[in-house]
N, C-alpha and C. Protein backbone atom coordinates (compact mmCIF):
# COMPACT_ATOMS: atom_id res chain seq x y z
N MET A 1 0.82 -1.18 0.02
CA MET A 1 0.02 -0.01 -0.06
C MET A 1 0.84 1.29 0.01
N ALA A 2 2.10 1.12 -0.12
CA ALA A 2 2.98 2.29 -0.02
C ALA A 2 2.68 3.36 -1.16
N GLY A 3 2.32 2.87 -2.30
CA GLY A 3 2.09 3.76 -3.38
C GLY A 3 0.67 4.26 -3.46
N GLU A 4 -0.27 3.66 -2.74
CA GLU A 4 -1.67 3.98 -2.79
C GLU A 4 -1.98 5.14 -1.75
N ALA A 5 -3.01 5.87 -2.14
CA ALA A 5 -3.42 6.90 -1.12
C ALA A 5 -4.19 6.24 0.00
N LYS A 6 -3.96 6.71 1.25
CA LYS A 6 -4.64 6.17 2.38
C LYS A 6 -6.03 6.78 2.45
N GLN A 7 -6.98 6.03 2.95
CA GLN A 7 -8.39 6.50 3.08
C GLN A 7 -8.68 7.07 4.46
N LEU A 8 -9.74 7.83 4.55
CA LEU A 8 -10.26 8.36 5.79
C LEU A 8 -11.57 7.49 6.16
N PHE A 9 -11.55 7.04 7.35
CA PHE A 9 -12.76 6.23 7.77
C PHE A 9 -13.42 6.85 8.97
N ASP A 10 -14.68 6.58 9.11
CA ASP A 10 -15.44 6.95 10.35
C ASP A 10 -15.15 5.78 11.32
N ALA A 11 -15.20 6.19 12.60
CA ALA A 11 -15.02 5.11 13.66
C ALA A 11 -16.05 3.97 13.57
N SER A 12 -17.29 4.42 13.23
CA SER A 12 -18.33 3.42 13.07
C SER A 12 -18.10 2.46 11.97
N GLU A 13 -17.53 2.94 10.95
CA GLU A 13 -17.24 2.14 9.81
C GLU A 13 -16.16 1.06 10.14
N VAL A 14 -15.17 1.43 10.94
CA VAL A 14 -14.08 0.57 11.42
C VAL A 14 -14.64 -0.58 12.27
N ALA A 15 -15.66 -0.18 13.10
CA ALA A 15 -16.22 -1.13 13.98
C ALA A 15 -16.97 -2.31 13.23
N LEU A 16 -17.37 -2.10 12.03
CA LEU A 16 -18.08 -3.06 11.27
C LEU A 16 -17.15 -4.17 10.77
N HIS A 17 -15.88 -3.91 10.88
CA HIS A 17 -14.94 -4.96 10.43
C HIS A 17 -14.30 -5.66 11.55
N SER A 18 -14.99 -6.53 12.25
CA SER A 18 -14.44 -7.17 13.41
C SER A 18 -14.69 -8.68 13.46
N SER A 19 -14.56 -9.28 12.31
CA SER A 19 -14.70 -10.75 12.18
C SER A 19 -13.35 -11.38 11.74
N ARG A 20 -13.35 -12.73 11.82
CA ARG A 20 -12.12 -13.44 11.39
C ARG A 20 -11.82 -13.26 9.90
N LYS A 21 -12.82 -13.00 9.14
CA LYS A 21 -12.66 -12.88 7.67
C LYS A 21 -12.33 -11.43 7.26
N ASP A 22 -12.61 -10.50 8.19
CA ASP A 22 -12.42 -9.07 7.87
C ASP A 22 -12.20 -8.30 9.22
N CYS A 23 -11.00 -8.04 9.58
CA CYS A 23 -10.68 -7.46 10.88
C CYS A 23 -9.85 -6.30 10.74
N TRP A 24 -10.34 -5.08 11.19
CA TRP A 24 -9.64 -3.83 11.18
C TRP A 24 -9.45 -3.41 12.63
N VAL A 25 -8.35 -2.71 12.88
CA VAL A 25 -8.02 -2.26 14.30
C VAL A 25 -7.69 -0.80 14.12
N ALA A 26 -8.18 0.00 14.98
CA ALA A 26 -7.85 1.47 15.09
C ALA A 26 -6.89 1.72 16.29
N ILE A 27 -5.76 2.24 15.99
CA ILE A 27 -4.74 2.51 17.00
C ILE A 27 -4.20 3.92 16.73
N SER A 28 -4.31 4.75 17.70
CA SER A 28 -3.86 6.15 17.62
C SER A 28 -4.32 6.85 16.39
N GLY A 29 -5.57 6.70 16.01
CA GLY A 29 -6.18 7.30 14.91
C GLY A 29 -5.80 6.73 13.56
N LYS A 30 -5.05 5.63 13.49
CA LYS A 30 -4.79 4.92 12.20
C LYS A 30 -5.53 3.66 12.14
N VAL A 31 -5.83 3.26 10.94
CA VAL A 31 -6.65 2.05 10.76
C VAL A 31 -5.78 0.99 10.13
N TYR A 32 -5.79 -0.22 10.68
CA TYR A 32 -4.97 -1.30 10.19
C TYR A 32 -5.85 -2.50 9.82
N ASP A 33 -5.66 -3.09 8.67
CA ASP A 33 -6.37 -4.31 8.24
C ASP A 33 -5.44 -5.46 8.65
N VAL A 34 -5.80 -6.07 9.78
CA VAL A 34 -4.96 -7.16 10.34
C VAL A 34 -5.62 -8.53 10.06
N THR A 35 -6.41 -8.67 9.06
CA THR A 35 -7.08 -9.96 8.79
C THR A 35 -5.99 -11.04 8.48
N LYS A 36 -5.04 -10.71 7.74
CA LYS A 36 -4.06 -11.68 7.33
C LYS A 36 -3.04 -11.97 8.46
N PHE A 37 -3.04 -11.18 9.50
CA PHE A 37 -2.12 -11.32 10.58
C PHE A 37 -2.81 -12.04 11.81
N LEU A 38 -4.10 -12.29 11.77
CA LEU A 38 -4.82 -12.90 12.95
C LEU A 38 -4.15 -14.22 13.46
N GLU A 39 -3.92 -15.06 12.46
CA GLU A 39 -3.29 -16.39 12.90
C GLU A 39 -1.84 -16.28 13.41
N ASP A 40 -1.14 -15.22 12.96
CA ASP A 40 0.27 -15.07 13.28
C ASP A 40 0.52 -14.21 14.59
N HIS A 41 -0.53 -13.61 15.06
CA HIS A 41 -0.39 -12.66 16.23
C HIS A 41 0.04 -13.55 17.44
N PRO A 42 1.12 -13.16 18.10
CA PRO A 42 1.66 -13.85 19.24
C PRO A 42 0.66 -13.97 20.39
N GLY A 43 -0.21 -13.01 20.58
CA GLY A 43 -1.16 -13.06 21.69
C GLY A 43 -2.47 -13.84 21.29
N GLY A 44 -2.49 -14.36 20.06
CA GLY A 44 -3.64 -15.06 19.53
C GLY A 44 -4.68 -14.15 18.79
N GLU A 45 -5.42 -14.69 18.09
CA GLU A 45 -6.42 -13.96 17.20
C GLU A 45 -7.52 -13.29 18.02
N ASP A 46 -7.90 -13.90 19.12
CA ASP A 46 -8.94 -13.41 19.95
C ASP A 46 -8.59 -12.02 20.51
N VAL A 47 -7.30 -11.80 20.76
CA VAL A 47 -6.89 -10.50 21.29
C VAL A 47 -7.17 -9.39 20.19
N LEU A 48 -6.83 -9.63 19.00
CA LEU A 48 -7.15 -8.71 17.95
C LEU A 48 -8.60 -8.55 17.67
N LEU A 49 -9.32 -9.61 17.70
CA LEU A 49 -10.76 -9.58 17.47
C LEU A 49 -11.46 -8.78 18.53
N HIS A 50 -10.98 -8.99 19.78
CA HIS A 50 -11.61 -8.12 20.92
C HIS A 50 -11.18 -6.67 20.70
N ALA A 51 -10.04 -6.43 20.35
CA ALA A 51 -9.55 -5.03 20.20
C ALA A 51 -10.30 -4.40 19.05
N SER A 52 -10.54 -5.08 18.05
CA SER A 52 -11.33 -4.63 16.90
C SER A 52 -12.74 -4.26 17.24
N ALA A 53 -13.40 -5.14 18.02
CA ALA A 53 -14.78 -4.93 18.47
C ALA A 53 -14.92 -3.80 19.45
N SER A 54 -13.87 -3.58 20.27
CA SER A 54 -13.99 -2.58 21.29
C SER A 54 -13.87 -1.13 20.77
N GLY A 55 -13.61 -0.92 19.53
CA GLY A 55 -13.40 0.41 18.94
C GLY A 55 -11.97 0.79 18.91
N ASP A 56 -11.60 1.81 19.67
CA ASP A 56 -10.19 2.31 19.64
C ASP A 56 -9.34 1.38 20.49
N ALA A 57 -8.38 0.78 19.88
CA ALA A 57 -7.51 -0.20 20.61
C ALA A 57 -6.22 0.44 21.03
N THR A 58 -6.12 1.73 21.06
CA THR A 58 -4.88 2.41 21.39
C THR A 58 -4.34 2.08 22.79
N GLU A 59 -5.22 2.14 23.78
CA GLU A 59 -4.85 1.90 25.18
C GLU A 59 -4.45 0.44 25.37
N ALA A 60 -5.21 -0.49 24.79
CA ALA A 60 -4.80 -1.87 25.00
C ALA A 60 -3.43 -2.15 24.19
N PHE A 61 -3.25 -1.53 23.13
CA PHE A 61 -1.95 -1.76 22.43
C PHE A 61 -0.78 -1.19 23.20
N GLU A 62 -0.94 -0.06 23.76
CA GLU A 62 0.14 0.59 24.62
C GLU A 62 0.40 -0.14 25.90
N GLU A 63 -0.60 -0.73 26.50
CA GLU A 63 -0.47 -1.44 27.77
C GLU A 63 0.42 -2.66 27.65
N VAL A 64 0.39 -3.28 26.49
CA VAL A 64 1.10 -4.55 26.29
C VAL A 64 2.53 -4.35 26.16
N GLY A 65 2.98 -3.19 25.58
CA GLY A 65 4.40 -2.93 25.45
C GLY A 65 5.02 -3.63 24.22
N HIS A 66 4.48 -3.43 23.07
CA HIS A 66 4.99 -4.07 21.87
C HIS A 66 6.46 -3.76 21.58
N SER A 67 7.18 -4.69 20.94
CA SER A 67 8.52 -4.43 20.53
C SER A 67 8.63 -3.49 19.38
N THR A 68 9.80 -2.97 19.15
CA THR A 68 9.99 -2.00 18.03
C THR A 68 9.75 -2.71 16.71
N SER A 69 10.13 -3.98 16.56
CA SER A 69 9.87 -4.72 15.34
C SER A 69 8.37 -4.90 15.12
N ALA A 70 7.59 -5.09 16.16
CA ALA A 70 6.11 -5.25 16.06
C ALA A 70 5.57 -3.92 15.56
N ILE A 71 6.11 -2.80 16.11
CA ILE A 71 5.57 -1.50 15.80
C ILE A 71 5.90 -1.15 14.28
N SER A 72 7.10 -1.53 13.89
CA SER A 72 7.53 -1.27 12.49
C SER A 72 6.72 -2.13 11.53
N MET A 73 6.34 -3.31 11.91
CA MET A 73 5.59 -4.21 11.15
C MET A 73 4.20 -3.65 10.86
N MET A 74 3.57 -2.77 11.68
CA MET A 74 2.26 -2.23 11.57
C MET A 74 2.13 -1.46 10.31
N ASP A 75 3.21 -0.85 9.77
CA ASP A 75 3.11 -0.01 8.58
C ASP A 75 2.58 -0.88 7.37
N SER A 76 2.91 -2.13 7.32
CA SER A 76 2.45 -3.02 6.26
C SER A 76 0.95 -3.27 6.25
N PHE A 77 0.28 -3.06 7.42
CA PHE A 77 -1.12 -3.26 7.49
C PHE A 77 -1.92 -2.03 7.51
N LEU A 78 -1.28 -0.84 7.38
CA LEU A 78 -2.00 0.44 7.48
C LEU A 78 -2.79 0.66 6.19
N ILE A 79 -4.09 0.96 6.37
CA ILE A 79 -4.99 1.27 5.22
C ILE A 79 -5.54 2.63 5.26
N GLY A 80 -5.49 3.36 6.39
CA GLY A 80 -6.01 4.71 6.36
C GLY A 80 -6.03 5.21 7.83
N SER A 81 -6.84 6.25 8.06
CA SER A 81 -6.92 6.86 9.36
C SER A 81 -8.37 7.23 9.70
N ILE A 82 -8.62 7.57 10.99
CA ILE A 82 -9.92 7.92 11.44
C ILE A 82 -10.17 9.41 11.13
N LYS A 83 -11.34 9.73 10.66
CA LYS A 83 -11.69 11.11 10.35
C LYS A 83 -11.80 11.86 11.68
N GLY A 84 -11.16 13.03 11.75
CA GLY A 84 -11.29 13.89 12.98
C GLY A 84 -10.80 13.22 14.25
N TYR A 85 -9.80 12.40 14.21
CA TYR A 85 -9.35 11.70 15.41
C TYR A 85 -8.62 12.74 16.23
N VAL A 86 -8.91 12.79 17.53
CA VAL A 86 -8.23 13.64 18.59
C VAL A 86 -7.65 12.76 19.59
N ARG A 87 -6.40 12.86 19.86
CA ARG A 87 -5.82 12.11 20.95
C ARG A 87 -6.50 12.26 22.25
N PRO A 88 -6.83 11.21 22.97
CA PRO A 88 -7.70 11.38 24.22
C PRO A 88 -6.97 12.20 25.31
N SER A 89 -5.67 12.25 25.36
CA SER A 89 -5.00 13.05 26.36
C SER A 89 -5.04 14.54 26.03
N ALA A 90 -5.33 14.88 24.79
CA ALA A 90 -5.40 16.30 24.39
C ALA A 90 -6.82 16.84 24.60
N SER A 91 -7.78 16.01 24.89
CA SER A 91 -9.13 16.50 25.13
C SER A 91 -9.57 16.17 26.57
N LYS A 92 -9.88 17.20 27.37
CA LYS A 92 -10.32 17.07 28.73
C LYS A 92 -11.83 16.56 28.76
N ALA A 93 -12.54 16.65 27.61
CA ALA A 93 -13.92 16.33 27.58
C ALA A 93 -14.09 14.79 27.61
N THR A 94 -13.05 14.03 27.34
CA THR A 94 -13.21 12.56 27.36
C THR A 94 -13.49 11.98 28.71
N ASP A 95 -12.96 12.69 29.82
CA ASP A 95 -13.13 12.18 31.14
C ASP A 95 -13.96 13.20 31.94
N PRO A 96 -15.21 12.87 32.24
CA PRO A 96 -16.07 13.79 32.94
C PRO A 96 -15.63 14.14 34.32
N TRP A 97 -14.81 13.35 34.93
CA TRP A 97 -14.36 13.61 36.30
C TRP A 97 -13.07 14.38 36.30
N GLY A 98 -12.55 14.62 35.13
CA GLY A 98 -11.17 15.40 35.07
C GLY A 98 -10.01 14.66 35.66
N LEU A 99 -10.09 13.34 35.54
CA LEU A 99 -8.95 12.50 36.07
C LEU A 99 -8.16 11.93 34.99
N ASP A 100 -7.87 12.68 33.93
CA ASP A 100 -7.04 12.13 32.90
C ASP A 100 -5.70 11.75 33.36
N ALA A 101 -5.25 10.59 32.92
CA ALA A 101 -3.89 10.17 33.21
C ALA A 101 -2.88 10.91 32.39
N PRO A 102 -1.68 11.10 32.97
CA PRO A 102 -0.66 11.83 32.23
C PRO A 102 -0.23 10.94 31.01
N PRO A 103 0.31 11.61 30.00
CA PRO A 103 0.74 10.89 28.83
C PRO A 103 1.76 9.80 29.21
N ASN A 104 1.72 8.64 28.41
CA ASN A 104 2.67 7.59 28.61
C ASN A 104 2.54 6.87 29.97
N SER A 105 1.39 7.06 30.68
CA SER A 105 1.32 6.30 31.92
C SER A 105 0.65 5.05 31.65
N ARG A 106 0.95 4.07 32.49
CA ARG A 106 0.42 2.74 32.36
C ARG A 106 -0.79 2.57 33.32
N SER A 107 -1.62 1.60 33.04
CA SER A 107 -2.79 1.37 33.90
C SER A 107 -2.37 0.87 35.24
N MET A 108 -1.25 0.17 35.35
CA MET A 108 -0.81 -0.34 36.64
C MET A 108 0.10 0.72 37.27
N GLN A 109 -0.43 1.45 38.17
CA GLN A 109 0.38 2.47 38.86
C GLN A 109 1.26 1.86 39.89
N GLY A 110 2.30 2.54 40.30
CA GLY A 110 3.12 2.09 41.40
C GLY A 110 4.39 1.35 40.91
N ASN A 111 4.47 1.06 39.61
CA ASN A 111 5.62 0.32 39.10
C ASN A 111 6.77 1.29 38.84
N GLU A 112 6.47 2.53 38.77
CA GLU A 112 7.52 3.54 38.45
C GLU A 112 7.71 4.47 39.62
N GLY A 113 8.87 5.02 39.79
CA GLY A 113 9.16 5.98 40.85
C GLY A 113 9.50 5.30 42.14
N PRO A 114 9.85 6.06 43.17
CA PRO A 114 10.24 5.46 44.46
C PRO A 114 9.02 4.79 45.13
N PRO A 115 9.39 3.80 45.98
CA PRO A 115 8.33 3.11 46.74
C PRO A 115 7.66 4.06 47.71
N ASN A 116 6.46 3.69 48.16
CA ASN A 116 5.78 4.44 49.15
C ASN A 116 6.48 4.52 50.42
N PRO A 117 6.47 5.61 51.21
CA PRO A 117 7.16 5.58 52.53
C PRO A 117 6.57 4.62 53.42
N ASN A 118 7.38 4.16 54.39
CA ASN A 118 6.88 3.27 55.38
C ASN A 118 5.80 3.86 56.28
N THR A 119 4.85 3.04 56.58
CA THR A 119 3.70 3.45 57.44
C THR A 119 3.96 2.90 58.85
N PHE A 120 3.14 3.38 59.74
CA PHE A 120 3.22 2.94 61.12
C PHE A 120 2.89 1.42 61.21
N LEU A 121 2.01 0.96 60.38
CA LEU A 121 1.72 -0.54 60.37
C LEU A 121 2.83 -1.34 59.96
N ASP A 122 3.73 -0.89 59.12
CA ASP A 122 4.95 -1.61 58.68
C ASP A 122 5.86 -1.79 59.87
N PHE A 123 5.81 -0.90 60.86
CA PHE A 123 6.62 -1.01 61.96
C PHE A 123 5.92 -1.84 63.05
N LEU A 124 4.62 -1.69 63.22
CA LEU A 124 3.78 -2.33 64.27
C LEU A 124 3.67 -3.80 64.01
N LEU A 125 3.45 -4.26 62.83
CA LEU A 125 3.20 -5.62 62.59
C LEU A 125 4.36 -6.55 62.99
N PRO A 126 5.57 -6.25 62.61
CA PRO A 126 6.71 -7.10 63.13
C PRO A 126 6.84 -7.17 64.66
N LEU A 127 6.54 -6.00 65.31
CA LEU A 127 6.58 -6.01 66.70
C LEU A 127 5.47 -6.85 67.39
N PHE A 128 4.29 -6.85 66.71
CA PHE A 128 3.26 -7.73 67.22
C PHE A 128 3.53 -9.20 67.01
N VAL A 129 4.19 -9.56 65.93
CA VAL A 129 4.60 -10.95 65.68
C VAL A 129 5.67 -11.35 66.69
N LEU A 130 6.58 -10.47 66.99
CA LEU A 130 7.63 -10.71 67.98
C LEU A 130 7.06 -10.90 69.37
N GLY A 131 6.11 -10.07 69.66
CA GLY A 131 5.45 -10.15 71.04
C GLY A 131 4.70 -11.47 71.09
N LEU A 132 4.02 -11.88 70.07
CA LEU A 132 3.29 -13.15 70.04
C LEU A 132 4.23 -14.33 70.22
N ALA A 133 5.39 -14.25 69.48
CA ALA A 133 6.43 -15.29 69.65
C ALA A 133 6.91 -15.38 71.08
N PHE A 134 7.20 -14.29 71.63
CA PHE A 134 7.71 -14.26 73.07
C PHE A 134 6.63 -14.78 74.00
N ALA A 135 5.34 -14.47 73.81
CA ALA A 135 4.28 -14.96 74.74
C ALA A 135 4.19 -16.44 74.59
N ALA A 136 4.28 -17.02 73.37
CA ALA A 136 4.23 -18.42 73.20
C ALA A 136 5.48 -19.11 73.86
N TRP A 137 6.59 -18.53 73.67
CA TRP A 137 7.85 -19.09 74.32
C TRP A 137 7.62 -19.08 75.85
N TYR A 138 7.19 -18.02 76.40
CA TYR A 138 7.04 -17.92 77.87
C TYR A 138 6.04 -18.88 78.39
N TYR A 139 4.93 -19.12 77.69
CA TYR A 139 3.90 -20.00 78.08
C TYR A 139 4.43 -21.48 78.01
N LEU A 140 5.06 -21.76 76.94
CA LEU A 140 5.64 -23.17 76.76
C LEU A 140 6.79 -23.44 77.68
N THR A 141 7.48 -22.47 78.06
CA THR A 141 8.68 -22.65 79.00
C THR A 141 8.29 -22.70 80.46
N PHE A 142 7.47 -21.77 80.96
CA PHE A 142 7.19 -21.61 82.36
C PHE A 142 5.79 -22.09 82.76
N VAL A 143 4.77 -21.71 82.06
CA VAL A 143 3.45 -21.93 82.50
C VAL A 143 2.99 -23.48 82.29
N SER A 144 3.31 -23.97 81.17
CA SER A 144 2.85 -25.35 80.84
C SER A 144 3.52 -26.42 81.71
N LYS A 145 4.69 -26.13 82.27
CA LYS A 145 5.50 -27.05 83.12
C LYS A 145 4.74 -27.29 84.40
N ASN A 146 3.98 -26.24 84.89
CA ASN A 146 3.32 -26.36 86.18
C ASN A 146 2.12 -27.25 86.11
N TYR A 147 1.64 -27.64 85.00
CA TYR A 147 0.36 -28.51 84.92
C TYR A 147 0.78 -29.93 84.81
């Protein structure tokens, strides 16, 4: 498709192509025909079919962490782009609560940056276990011998 002009598609039109015989995926505003790649996808064809049916597969694609070779392979499946596509992070209207995640953040928080500071419970729990062990030792050593 390198020499052909890419087409513009409506998001609703892309959603119509979500079967094993005709599967399109929208990622970052670009439309890919992955029908021929379904059987070869390392995650299985169901992953692509689900991504196709869910509409915009950008978030799911980024969460997986694809290799650079996988990303470069995508160009061979590119057939067009979504009309009027706006990146979700650029629009505050996408999240009614105003809790947009920062760009490049992952859905699993806490894996980046320093660990949380110690809490009082982190200190108290080992002391409780130590006290329980001492009480068991005292009981078994002194109290149970008297019976």
